[in-house]
C-alpha atoms as a PDB file:
ATOM      1  CA  MET A   1     -52.771  56.666 -16.050  1.00  0.00           C
ATOM      2  CA  ALA A   2     -52.905  54.484 -12.918  1.00  0.00           C
ATOM      3  CA  LYS A   3     -50.099  52.030 -12.269  1.00  0.00           C
ATOM      4  CA  ALA A   4     -51.001  48.391 -12.649  1.00  0.00           C
ATOM      5  CA  GLN A   5     -50.974  46.540  -9.332  1.00  0.00           C
ATOM      6  CA  ALA A   6     -48.014  44.173  -9.208  1.00  0.00           C
ATOM      7  CA  THR A   7     -49.023  40.551  -8.783  1.00  0.00           C
ATOM      8  CA  ARG A   8     -47.660  39.189  -5.535  1.00  0.00           C
ATOM      9  CA  LYS A   9     -45.697  35.970  -5.785  1.00  0.00           C
ATOM     10  CA  PRO A  10     -47.387  33.065  -4.045  1.00  0.00           C
ATOM     11  CA  MET A  11     -45.738  31.391  -1.070  1.00  0.00           C
ATOM     12  CA  THR A  12     -46.075  27.666  -0.499  1.00  0.00           C
ATOM     13  CA  LEU A  13     -45.157  26.248   2.895  1.00  0.00           C
ATOM     14  CA  MET A  14     -44.723  22.478   2.993  1.00  0.00           C
ATOM     15  CA  VAL A  15     -45.041  21.325   6.597  1.00  0.00           C
ATOM     16  CA  ILE A  16     -43.825  17.771   7.157  1.00  0.00           C
ATOM     17  CA  SER A  17     -42.259  17.842  10.639  1.00  0.00           C
ATOM     18  CA  PRO A  18     -44.346  17.050  13.731  1.00  0.00           C
ATOM     19  CA  ASP A  19     -42.153  19.353  15.841  1.00  0.00           C
ATOM     20  CA  PRO A  20     -44.340  22.156  17.283  1.00  0.00           C
ATOM     21  CA  GLU A  21     -41.447  24.626  16.990  1.00  0.00           C
ATOM     22  CA  ARG A  22     -41.216  24.024  13.240  1.00  0.00           C
ATOM     23  CA  ILE A  23     -44.983  24.172  12.796  1.00  0.00           C
ATOM     24  CA  HIS A  24     -45.139  27.415  14.789  1.00  0.00           C
ATOM     25  CA  MET A  25     -42.381  28.930  12.642  1.00  0.00           C
ATOM     26  CA  ALA A  26     -44.256  27.912   9.481  1.00  0.00           C
ATOM     27  CA  LEU A  27     -47.412  29.579  10.840  1.00  0.00           C
ATOM     28  CA  MET A  28     -45.507  32.756  11.724  1.00  0.00           C
ATOM     29  CA  THR A  29     -43.885  32.877   8.283  1.00  0.00           C
ATOM     30  CA  GLY A  30     -47.192  32.331   6.523  1.00  0.00           C
ATOM     31  CA  ALA A  31     -49.007  34.903   8.643  1.00  0.00           C
ATOM     32  CA  THR A  32     -46.357  37.510   7.934  1.00  0.00           C
ATOM     33  CA  ALA A  33     -46.354  36.840   4.179  1.00  0.00           C
ATOM     34  CA  SER A  34     -50.154  36.813   4.072  1.00  0.00           C
ATOM     35  CA  ALA A  35     -50.360  40.098   5.999  1.00  0.00           C
ATOM     36  CA  MET A  36     -47.980  41.552   3.397  1.00  0.00           C
ATOM     37  CA  GLY A  37     -50.481  40.645   0.690  1.00  0.00           C
ATOM     38  CA  ARG A  38     -48.936  37.460  -0.648  1.00  0.00           C
ATOM     39  CA  PRO A  39     -51.135  34.461  -1.444  1.00  0.00           C
ATOM     40  CA  VAL A  40     -50.115  31.753   1.038  1.00  0.00           C
ATOM     41  CA  THR A  41     -50.740  28.020   0.836  1.00  0.00           C
ATOM     42  CA  PHE A  42     -49.843  25.543   3.579  1.00  0.00           C
ATOM     43  CA  PHE A  43     -49.434  21.921   2.535  1.00  0.00           C
ATOM     44  CA  PHE A  44     -49.368  19.557   5.517  1.00  0.00           C
ATOM     45  CA  SER A  45     -48.043  16.080   4.917  1.00  0.00           C
ATOM     46  CA  LYS A  46     -46.100  13.258   6.536  1.00  0.00           C
ATOM     47  CA  SER A  47     -45.864  13.455  10.351  1.00  0.00           C
ATOM     48  CA  ALA A  48     -47.168  17.047  10.510  1.00  0.00           C
ATOM     49  CA  THR A  49     -50.603  15.950   9.279  1.00  0.00           C
ATOM     50  CA  PRO A  50     -52.083  15.355  12.779  1.00  0.00           C
ATOM     51  CA  PHE A  51     -51.696  19.094  13.504  1.00  0.00           C
ATOM     52  CA  LEU A  52     -54.763  19.689  11.333  1.00  0.00           C
ATOM     53  CA  THR A  53     -56.934  17.296  13.350  1.00  0.00           C
ATOM     54  CA  GLU A  54     -59.020  18.087  16.422  1.00  0.00           C
ATOM     55  CA  GLY A  55     -56.731  17.464  19.393  1.00  0.00           C
ATOM     56  CA  GLY A  56     -53.731  16.739  17.189  1.00  0.00           C
ATOM     57  CA  TRP A  57     -51.683  19.693  18.477  1.00  0.00           C
ATOM     58  CA  ALA A  58     -51.733  18.237  22.004  1.00  0.00           C
ATOM     59  CA  GLN A  59     -50.136  15.015  20.742  1.00  0.00           C
ATOM     60  CA  LEU A  60     -47.148  16.705  19.103  1.00  0.00           C
ATOM     61  CA  LYS A  61     -43.945  17.347  21.066  1.00  0.00           C
ATOM     62  CA  THR A  62     -40.803  19.405  20.559  1.00  0.00           C
ATOM     63  CA  GLN A  63     -37.402  17.706  20.577  1.00  0.00           C
ATOM     64  CA  ALA A  64     -37.204  18.653  24.266  1.00  0.00           C
ATOM     65  CA  GLY A  65     -40.499  16.812  24.923  1.00  0.00           C
ATOM     66  CA  VAL A  66     -42.713  19.900  25.330  1.00  0.00           C
ATOM     67  CA  THR A  67     -46.242  19.506  23.956  1.00  0.00           C
ATOM     68  CA  GLY A  68     -47.696  21.975  21.475  1.00  0.00           C
ATOM     69  CA  PRO A  69     -50.141  23.458  24.025  1.00  0.00           C
ATOM     70  CA  ALA A  70     -47.384  23.843  26.659  1.00  0.00           C
ATOM     71  CA  MET A  71     -45.209  25.612  24.107  1.00  0.00           C
ATOM     72  CA  ASP A  72     -48.150  27.892  23.267  1.00  0.00           C
ATOM     73  CA  THR A  73     -48.591  28.778  26.953  1.00  0.00           C
ATOM     74  CA  ALA A  74     -44.904  29.699  27.236  1.00  0.00           C
ATOM     75  CA  LEU A  75     -45.114  31.823  24.073  1.00  0.00           C
ATOM     76  CA  GLU A  76     -48.265  33.587  25.250  1.00  0.00           C
ATOM     77  CA  ASP A  77     -46.619  34.368  28.603  1.00  0.00           C
ATOM     78  CA  LYS A  78     -43.836  36.136  26.679  1.00  0.00           C
ATOM     79  CA  GLY A  79     -46.179  38.075  24.410  1.00  0.00           C
ATOM     80  CA  VAL A  80     -45.533  35.933  21.312  1.00  0.00           C
ATOM     81  CA  ALA A  81     -48.452  34.859  19.131  1.00  0.00           C
ATOM     82  CA  ASP A  82     -49.331  31.240  19.840  1.00  0.00           C
ATOM     83  CA  SER A  83     -50.667  28.716  17.335  1.00  0.00           C
ATOM     84  CA  CYS A  84     -54.329  29.568  18.075  1.00  0.00           C
ATOM     85  CA  ILE A  85     -53.823  33.265  17.386  1.00  0.00           C
ATOM     86  CA  LEU A  86     -51.832  32.504  14.246  1.00  0.00           C
ATOM     87  CA  MET A  87     -54.435  30.054  12.929  1.00  0.00           C
ATOM     88  CA  ASP A  88     -57.243  32.579  13.531  1.00  0.00           C
ATOM     89  CA  GLY A  89     -55.225  35.274  11.779  1.00  0.00           C
ATOM     90  CA  LEU A  90     -54.427  33.004   8.854  1.00  0.00           C
ATOM     91  CA  ALA A  91     -58.105  32.103   8.504  1.00  0.00           C
ATOM     92  CA  ALA A  92     -59.001  35.807   8.450  1.00  0.00           C
ATOM     93  CA  LEU A  93     -56.281  36.470   5.869  1.00  0.00           C
ATOM     94  CA  ASP A  94     -57.616  33.683   3.605  1.00  0.00           C
ATOM     95  CA  ALA A  95     -54.500  31.536   3.684  1.00  0.00           C
ATOM     96  CA  ARG A  96     -55.156  28.121   2.150  1.00  0.00           C
ATOM     97  CA  PHE A  97     -54.638  24.992   4.216  1.00  0.00           C
ATOM     98  CA  LEU A  98     -54.212  21.754   2.314  1.00  0.00           C
ATOM     99  CA  VAL A  99     -53.637  18.312   3.722  1.00  0.00           C
ATOM    100  CA  CYS A 100     -52.053  15.575   1.673  1.00  0.00           C
ATOM    101  CA  GLU A 101     -54.539  12.872   0.763  1.00  0.00           C
ATOM    102  CA  ALA A 102     -51.818  10.213   0.910  1.00  0.00           C
ATOM    103  CA  ALA A 103     -50.711  11.400   4.368  1.00  0.00           C
ATOM    104  CA  LEU A 104     -54.253  10.986   5.700  1.00  0.00           C
ATOM    105  CA  ARG A 105     -54.131   7.358   4.604  1.00  0.00           C
ATOM    106  CA  GLU A 106     -50.532   6.958   5.829  1.00  0.00           C
ATOM    107  CA  HIS A 107     -51.520   8.053   9.344  1.00  0.00           C
ATOM    108  CA  ASP A 108     -54.989   6.433   9.371  1.00  0.00           C
ATOM    109  CA  LEU A 109     -56.718   9.794   9.823  1.00  0.00           C
ATOM    110  CA  ASP A 110     -60.387  10.218   8.988  1.00  0.00           C
ATOM    111  CA  VAL A 111     -61.377  13.410   7.163  1.00  0.00           C
ATOM    112  CA  THR A 112     -64.072  13.997   9.792  1.00  0.00           C
ATOM    113  CA  SER A 113     -61.293  14.584  12.355  1.00  0.00           C
ATOM    114  CA  LEU A 114     -59.932  17.638  10.478  1.00  0.00           C
ATOM    115  CA  ILE A 115     -60.277  21.093  11.989  1.00  0.00           C
ATOM    116  CA  THR A 116     -62.859  23.408  10.444  1.00  0.00           C
ATOM    117  CA  ARG A 117     -61.212  26.812  11.050  1.00  0.00           C
ATOM    118  CA  PRO A 118     -59.382  27.474   8.968  1.00  0.00           C
ATOM    119  CA  ALA A 119     -61.025  25.228   6.417  1.00  0.00           C
ATOM    120  CA  VAL A 120     -58.797  22.372   5.298  1.00  0.00           C
ATOM    121  CA  GLU A 121     -58.840  21.080   1.734  1.00  0.00           C
ATOM    122  CA  ILE A 122     -57.676  17.612   0.763  1.00  0.00           C
ATOM    123  CA  ALA A 123     -55.193  17.719  -2.099  1.00  0.00           C
ATOM    124  CA  GLY A 124     -52.130  16.143  -3.596  1.00  0.00           C
ATOM    125  CA  LEU A 125     -48.759  17.419  -4.686  1.00  0.00           C
ATOM    126  CA  ALA A 126     -50.032  18.312  -8.165  1.00  0.00           C
ATOM    127  CA  GLU A 127     -52.266  20.997  -6.631  1.00  0.00           C
ATOM    128  CA  ILE A 128     -49.443  22.867  -4.933  1.00  0.00           C
ATOM    129  CA  ILE A 129     -47.008  22.427  -7.796  1.00  0.00           C
ATOM    130  CA  GLU A 130     -49.516  23.964 -10.194  1.00  0.00           C
ATOM    131  CA  LYS A 131     -50.681  26.807  -7.934  1.00  0.00           C
ATOM    132  CA  GLY A 132     -47.248  27.592  -6.475  1.00  0.00           C
ATOM    133  CA  HIS A 133     -45.592  28.154  -9.860  1.00  0.00           C
ATOM    134  CA  GLY A 134     -43.427  31.266  -9.881  1.00  0.00           C
ATOM    135  CA  GLY A 135     -43.509  31.706  -6.129  1.00  0.00           C
ATOM    136  CA  ASP A 136     -41.427  30.922  -3.082  1.00  0.00           C
ATOM    137  CA  TRP A 137     -41.323  27.505  -1.429  1.00  0.00           C
ATOM    138  CA  LEU A 138     -40.304  26.705   2.123  1.00  0.00           C
ATOM    139  CA  THR A 139     -40.272  23.349   3.888  1.00  0.00           C
ATOM    140  CA  PHE A 140     -40.690  22.951   7.630  1.00  0.00           C
END
């Protein structure tokens, strides 16, 4: 008799900081968990919300004042996956990207400004609380 496949615990990553280092670490964590077969959901809210808009990454800065794209260039030069590579990988691994509906209003962001790869869904906290039940939660 074949063994039943164990259900992998979901991982929910709440991203609320606009700091590119924190966002990059969330992406790396999610990509690793997703590659290991875990269902991964990112929930972007608060000041991290602009990351999911076209051109939003360029507006975000580390505590040292380095922009997201400049940080990516430094990572790429050292052979570390940058945000573009991680986002492409996460899209291919079917990670879910949700953006908080209230955060869009809070930051005056139009839904037409959201990136399209990976696809971004608009949701509220109830969505992640329901779907993340029994899994791991991390906040960045």
